[in-house]
Protein backbone atom coordinates (compact mmCIF):
# COMPACT_ATOMS: atom_id res chain seq x y z
CA UNK A 1 -9.20 -149.93 -76.07
CA UNK A 2 -10.39 -147.12 -78.28
CA UNK A 3 -12.47 -147.13 -81.39
CA UNK A 4 -13.52 -144.45 -83.82
CA UNK A 5 -16.65 -144.67 -85.84
CA UNK A 6 -17.02 -142.59 -88.98
CA UNK A 7 -20.43 -142.21 -90.54
CA UNK A 8 -21.11 -141.19 -94.11
CA UNK A 9 -18.91 -141.25 -97.19
CA UNK A 10 -15.36 -141.72 -95.89
CA UNK A 11 -13.78 -142.49 -99.27
CA UNK A 12 -12.55 -138.91 -99.71
CA UNK A 13 -10.99 -138.88 -96.23
CA UNK A 14 -9.28 -142.24 -96.78
CA UNK A 15 -7.95 -141.08 -100.17
CA UNK A 16 -6.58 -137.88 -98.61
CA UNK A 17 -4.88 -139.78 -95.78
CA UNK A 18 -3.19 -142.07 -98.32
CA UNK A 19 -1.96 -139.03 -100.27
CA UNK A 20 -0.47 -137.50 -97.11
CA UNK A 21 1.33 -140.73 -96.30
CA UNK A 22 3.07 -140.63 -99.67
CA UNK A 23 3.95 -136.92 -99.64
CA UNK A 24 7.44 -136.06 -100.91
CA UNK A 25 8.89 -134.39 -97.79
CA UNK A 26 12.35 -134.03 -99.30
CA UNK A 27 10.81 -132.34 -102.36
CA UNK A 28 8.84 -129.90 -100.21
CA UNK A 29 11.95 -129.06 -98.19
CA UNK A 30 14.04 -128.60 -101.35
CA UNK A 31 11.47 -126.19 -102.81
CA UNK A 32 11.34 -124.19 -99.58
CA UNK A 33 15.14 -124.18 -99.21
CA UNK A 34 15.61 -122.86 -102.76
CA UNK A 35 13.19 -120.01 -102.04
CA UNK A 36 14.85 -119.15 -98.71
CA UNK A 37 18.30 -119.22 -100.31
CA UNK A 38 17.02 -116.87 -103.02
CA UNK A 39 15.66 -114.37 -100.50
CA UNK A 40 18.89 -114.60 -98.48
CA UNK A 41 20.96 -113.74 -101.57
CA UNK A 42 18.53 -110.91 -102.36
CA UNK A 43 19.32 -109.32 -98.97
CA UNK A 44 22.83 -108.57 -100.23
CA UNK A 45 21.23 -106.37 -102.92
CA UNK A 46 18.67 -104.65 -100.69
CA UNK A 47 21.08 -104.42 -97.73
CA UNK A 48 18.27 -105.36 -95.34
CA UNK A 49 17.99 -107.96 -92.58
CA UNK A 50 15.21 -110.57 -92.55
CA UNK A 51 13.14 -108.26 -90.34
CA UNK A 52 13.41 -105.50 -92.97
CA UNK A 53 15.87 -103.24 -91.12
CA UNK A 54 18.46 -101.50 -93.30
CA UNK A 55 22.06 -102.53 -92.62
CA UNK A 56 24.50 -99.89 -91.39
CA UNK A 57 26.49 -98.89 -94.46
CA UNK A 58 30.09 -100.08 -94.35
CA UNK A 59 32.91 -97.54 -94.52
CA UNK A 60 34.19 -99.15 -97.73
CA UNK A 61 30.75 -99.00 -99.36
CA UNK A 62 30.36 -95.34 -98.36
CA UNK A 63 33.81 -94.37 -99.70
CA UNK A 64 33.50 -96.32 -102.95
CA UNK A 65 29.78 -95.91 -103.53
CA UNK A 66 29.45 -99.68 -103.33
CA UNK A 67 27.21 -102.15 -101.57
CA UNK A 68 27.80 -103.34 -98.02
CA UNK A 69 29.06 -106.95 -97.66
CA UNK A 70 29.66 -107.46 -101.38
CA UNK A 71 33.14 -106.13 -102.13
CA UNK A 72 34.18 -109.51 -103.51
CA UNK A 73 30.69 -111.11 -103.30
CA UNK A 74 32.32 -114.22 -101.78
CA UNK A 75 29.93 -114.28 -98.83
CA UNK A 76 26.89 -113.87 -101.06
CA UNK A 77 28.14 -116.56 -103.47
CA UNK A 78 28.75 -118.96 -100.58
CA UNK A 79 25.09 -119.18 -99.52
CA UNK A 80 24.02 -122.81 -99.93
CA UNK A 81 21.23 -125.08 -98.78
CA UNK A 82 20.91 -128.72 -97.80
CA UNK A 83 17.73 -130.76 -97.47
CA UNK A 84 16.44 -134.15 -96.48
CA UNK A 85 13.05 -135.54 -95.51
CA UNK A 86 13.29 -134.04 -92.00
CA UNK A 87 14.04 -130.42 -92.95
CA UNK A 88 16.40 -127.98 -94.60
CA UNK A 89 19.24 -125.64 -93.73
CA UNK A 90 20.40 -122.47 -95.48
CA UNK A 91 23.80 -121.05 -94.59
CA UNK A 92 27.43 -120.49 -95.44
CA UNK A 93 30.77 -122.03 -94.52
CA UNK A 94 32.64 -118.70 -94.53
CA UNK A 95 34.42 -118.27 -91.21
CA UNK A 96 33.68 -114.53 -91.09
CA UNK A 97 29.92 -114.93 -91.71
CA UNK A 98 29.07 -115.02 -87.99
CA UNK A 99 30.84 -111.69 -87.46
CA UNK A 100 28.66 -110.04 -90.09
CA UNK A 101 25.48 -111.82 -88.95
CA UNK A 102 25.91 -111.04 -85.24
CA UNK A 103 28.37 -108.13 -85.19
CA UNK A 104 31.52 -107.84 -83.08
CA UNK A 105 32.33 -105.38 -80.30
CA UNK A 106 35.90 -104.37 -79.56
CA UNK A 107 37.34 -107.01 -81.93
CA UNK A 108 41.13 -107.07 -82.03
CA UNK A 109 42.58 -107.37 -85.53
CA UNK A 110 46.13 -107.30 -86.81
CA UNK A 111 46.96 -105.62 -90.11
CA UNK A 112 50.15 -106.97 -91.68
CA UNK A 113 52.20 -105.36 -94.42
CA UNK A 114 52.07 -107.11 -97.79
CA UNK A 115 55.54 -105.92 -98.80
CA UNK A 116 58.92 -105.68 -97.08
CA UNK A 117 58.53 -101.89 -97.02
CA UNK A 118 55.94 -102.30 -94.29
CA UNK A 119 52.93 -100.18 -93.43
CA UNK A 120 53.54 -96.46 -93.66
CA UNK A 121 51.15 -94.00 -92.02
CA UNK A 122 51.14 -90.64 -90.32
CA UNK A 123 50.29 -90.23 -86.65
CA UNK A 124 50.41 -86.95 -84.73
CA UNK A 125 52.43 -85.35 -87.50
CA UNK A 126 55.05 -88.13 -87.62
CA UNK A 127 55.50 -90.75 -90.29
CA UNK A 128 55.61 -94.27 -88.93
CA UNK A 129 56.68 -97.51 -90.59
CA UNK A 130 55.60 -100.87 -89.09
CA UNK A 131 55.48 -104.48 -90.23
CA UNK A 132 52.11 -104.87 -88.53
CA UNK A 133 49.60 -102.91 -86.46
CA UNK A 134 47.00 -104.23 -84.03
CA UNK A 135 43.78 -102.25 -83.63
CA UNK A 136 40.38 -102.73 -81.99
CA UNK A 137 37.26 -102.26 -84.07
CA UNK A 138 33.48 -102.58 -83.78
CA UNK A 139 31.58 -104.29 -86.56
CA UNK A 140 27.81 -103.76 -86.53
CA UNK A 141 25.50 -106.74 -87.00
CA UNK A 142 24.23 -107.05 -90.56
CA UNK A 143 21.95 -110.10 -90.42
CA UNK A 144 21.47 -111.83 -93.75
CA UNK A 145 20.37 -115.29 -92.54
CA UNK A 146 16.89 -115.87 -91.17
CA UNK A 147 13.28 -115.98 -92.23
CA UNK A 148 11.39 -112.83 -93.19
CA UNK A 149 7.62 -112.45 -93.14
CA UNK A 150 7.72 -112.92 -96.93
CA UNK A 151 9.71 -116.15 -96.48
CA UNK A 152 7.08 -117.44 -94.06
CA UNK A 153 4.32 -116.65 -96.58
CA UNK A 154 6.31 -118.45 -99.29
CA UNK A 155 6.71 -121.48 -97.02
CA UNK A 156 3.00 -121.55 -96.23
CA UNK A 157 2.16 -121.24 -99.92
CA UNK A 158 4.53 -124.05 -100.86
CA UNK A 159 3.07 -126.36 -98.23
CA UNK A 160 -0.49 -125.44 -99.26
CA UNK A 161 0.39 -126.22 -102.89
CA UNK A 162 1.71 -129.64 -101.93
CA UNK A 163 -1.36 -130.39 -99.86
CA UNK A 164 -3.88 -128.96 -102.32
CA UNK A 165 -6.53 -131.43 -103.37
CA UNK A 166 -6.21 -132.81 -106.87
């Protein structure tokens, strides 16, 4: 059997413990998730990973003077969050998201013609027409999901705000 004896004015401690018991965990997680989602979406503008490293510019972005990973902005627009009292998750349901997050080495892709005329291209001085072509490509990792140092500071600040004494 154990016992704890507290001397002095314990009213403040008891009040604080009651406040912690009633804390809105789902609310805290929702606030944090919104902030993390916002910083994740911001990475598509800055073209930087959570650790601050610049993404390798995509060929399309270089040729068109555009931004990497935002040709249609579908991936950026798909970033969502979900929360409950036990935590939160920020992510996307786009099937190609993992390829951009982690990269892909020697990935085999098939390019199919959109019209009956097929694909027409020149190779070694000869014109070639094909219905489809299979090639191997490397896609560098361009991490957009994760927690940056700024995210961690935001999380700490949010938690501190929730636990601040009234």
